[in-house]
Amino acid sequence: VDGEEREEIRKIVENYKNNRIIMEFGDYKVDCEENTDVLLSDGKYKKAKNITENDDVDASWILNNKK
């Protein structure tokens, strides 16, 4: 993922309706439960509710979970 796209990935919008979070990564949206494990590019996992704009989410995770 190029730098510009990576910066867009960092823009995350949280929506806590019914314990769900909608994360936006450029043109992709991922709708998941707040306790969903999100794969980071360093191979570690972090709960969706704890993801911030500083986290580097793995592109394959985004593509596998996009809506």
C-alpha atoms as a PDB file:
ATOM      1  CA  VAL A   1       0.000   0.000   0.000  1.00  0.00           C
ATOM      2  CA  ASP A   2       1.474   3.350  -0.991  1.00  0.00           C
ATOM      3  CA  GLY A   3       1.960   6.219   1.458  1.00  0.00           C
ATOM      4  CA  GLU A   4      -1.106   8.213   0.469  1.00  0.00           C
ATOM      5  CA  GLU A   5      -3.343   5.183   0.691  1.00  0.00           C
ATOM      6  CA  ARG A   6      -1.766   4.250   4.031  1.00  0.00           C
ATOM      7  CA  GLU A   7      -2.606   7.714   5.373  1.00  0.00           C
ATOM      8  CA  GLU A   8      -6.210   7.264   4.290  1.00  0.00           C
ATOM      9  CA  ILE A   9      -6.251   3.924   6.080  1.00  0.00           C
ATOM     10  CA  ARG A  10      -5.290   5.762   9.260  1.00  0.00           C
ATOM     11  CA  LYS A  11      -8.507   7.815   9.082  1.00  0.00           C
ATOM     12  CA  ILE A  12     -10.846   5.786  11.196  1.00  0.00           C
ATOM     13  CA  VAL A  13     -14.419   6.643  11.991  1.00  0.00           C
ATOM     14  CA  GLU A  14     -15.914   4.887  14.996  1.00  0.00           C
ATOM     15  CA  ASN A  15     -19.637   4.266  15.307  1.00  0.00           C
ATOM     16  CA  TYR A  16     -20.604   2.612  18.595  1.00  0.00           C
ATOM     17  CA  LYS A  17     -24.181   1.707  17.699  1.00  0.00           C
ATOM     18  CA  ASN A  18     -24.944  -1.758  19.122  1.00  0.00           C
ATOM     19  CA  ASN A  19     -21.278  -2.302  20.003  1.00  0.00           C
ATOM     20  CA  ARG A  20     -20.322  -2.040  16.341  1.00  0.00           C
ATOM     21  CA  ILE A  21     -17.577   0.023  14.826  1.00  0.00           C
ATOM     22  CA  ILE A  22     -17.364   1.249  11.267  1.00  0.00           C
ATOM     23  CA  MET A  23     -13.784   1.875  10.196  1.00  0.00           C
ATOM     24  CA  GLU A  24     -13.046   3.709   6.963  1.00  0.00           C
ATOM     25  CA  PHE A  25      -9.922   2.950   4.954  1.00  0.00           C
ATOM     26  CA  GLY A  26     -10.012   5.127   1.862  1.00  0.00           C
ATOM     27  CA  ASP A  27     -12.779   3.688  -0.330  1.00  0.00           C
ATOM     28  CA  TYR A  28     -13.312   0.692   1.953  1.00  0.00           C
ATOM     29  CA  LYS A  29     -15.456   0.400   5.052  1.00  0.00           C
ATOM     30  CA  VAL A  30     -15.183  -2.354   7.617  1.00  0.00           C
ATOM     31  CA  ASP A  31     -18.172  -2.884   9.911  1.00  0.00           C
ATOM     32  CA  CYS A  32     -17.303  -5.107  12.861  1.00  0.00           C
ATOM     33  CA  GLU A  33     -17.937  -5.683  16.549  1.00  0.00           C
ATOM     34  CA  GLU A  34     -15.831  -3.624  18.925  1.00  0.00           C
ATOM     35  CA  ASN A  35     -14.012  -6.745  20.207  1.00  0.00           C
ATOM     36  CA  THR A  36     -13.003  -7.948  16.739  1.00  0.00           C
ATOM     37  CA  ASP A  37      -9.275  -8.666  16.428  1.00  0.00           C
ATOM     38  CA  VAL A  38      -7.731  -6.369  13.822  1.00  0.00           C
ATOM     39  CA  LEU A  39      -4.467  -7.457  12.201  1.00  0.00           C
ATOM     40  CA  LEU A  40      -1.769  -4.794  12.148  1.00  0.00           C
ATOM     41  CA  SER A  41       0.980  -4.660   9.544  1.00  0.00           C
ATOM     42  CA  ASP A  42       3.549  -5.773  12.156  1.00  0.00           C
ATOM     43  CA  GLY A  43       1.659  -9.072  12.605  1.00  0.00           C
ATOM     44  CA  LYS A  44       0.158  -8.162  15.986  1.00  0.00           C
ATOM     45  CA  TYR A  45      -3.547  -7.934  16.727  1.00  0.00           C
ATOM     46  CA  LYS A  46      -5.481  -5.170  18.421  1.00  0.00           C
ATOM     47  CA  LYS A  47      -9.187  -4.969  19.341  1.00  0.00           C
ATOM     48  CA  ALA A  48     -11.204  -2.829  16.931  1.00  0.00           C
ATOM     49  CA  LYS A  49     -12.345  -0.557  19.764  1.00  0.00           C
ATOM     50  CA  ASN A  50      -8.680   0.293  20.499  1.00  0.00           C
ATOM     51  CA  ILE A  51      -7.605   1.096  16.922  1.00  0.00           C
ATOM     52  CA  THR A  52      -6.476   4.696  16.427  1.00  0.00           C
ATOM     53  CA  GLU A  53      -5.350   6.695  13.421  1.00  0.00           C
ATOM     54  CA  ASN A  54      -1.756   5.867  14.413  1.00  0.00           C
ATOM     55  CA  ASP A  55      -2.273   2.119  13.941  1.00  0.00           C
ATOM     56  CA  ASP A  56      -1.062   0.588  10.712  1.00  0.00           C
ATOM     57  CA  VAL A  57      -3.825  -1.895   9.797  1.00  0.00           C
ATOM     58  CA  ASP A  58      -2.784  -4.708   7.473  1.00  0.00           C
ATOM     59  CA  ALA A  59      -4.148  -4.205   3.943  1.00  0.00           C
ATOM     60  CA  SER A  60      -5.106  -7.889   3.570  1.00  0.00           C
ATOM     61  CA  TRP A  61      -7.244  -7.661   6.737  1.00  0.00           C
ATOM     62  CA  ILE A  62      -9.038  -4.652   5.285  1.00  0.00           C
ATOM     63  CA  LEU A  63      -9.693  -6.366   1.944  1.00  0.00           C
ATOM     64  CA  ASN A  64     -10.928  -9.566   3.639  1.00  0.00           C
ATOM     65  CA  ASN A  65     -13.360  -7.658   5.870  1.00  0.00           C
ATOM     66  CA  LYS A  66     -14.568  -4.819   3.636  1.00  0.00           C
ATOM     67  CA  LYS A  67     -18.250  -4.120   3.080  1.00  0.00           C
END
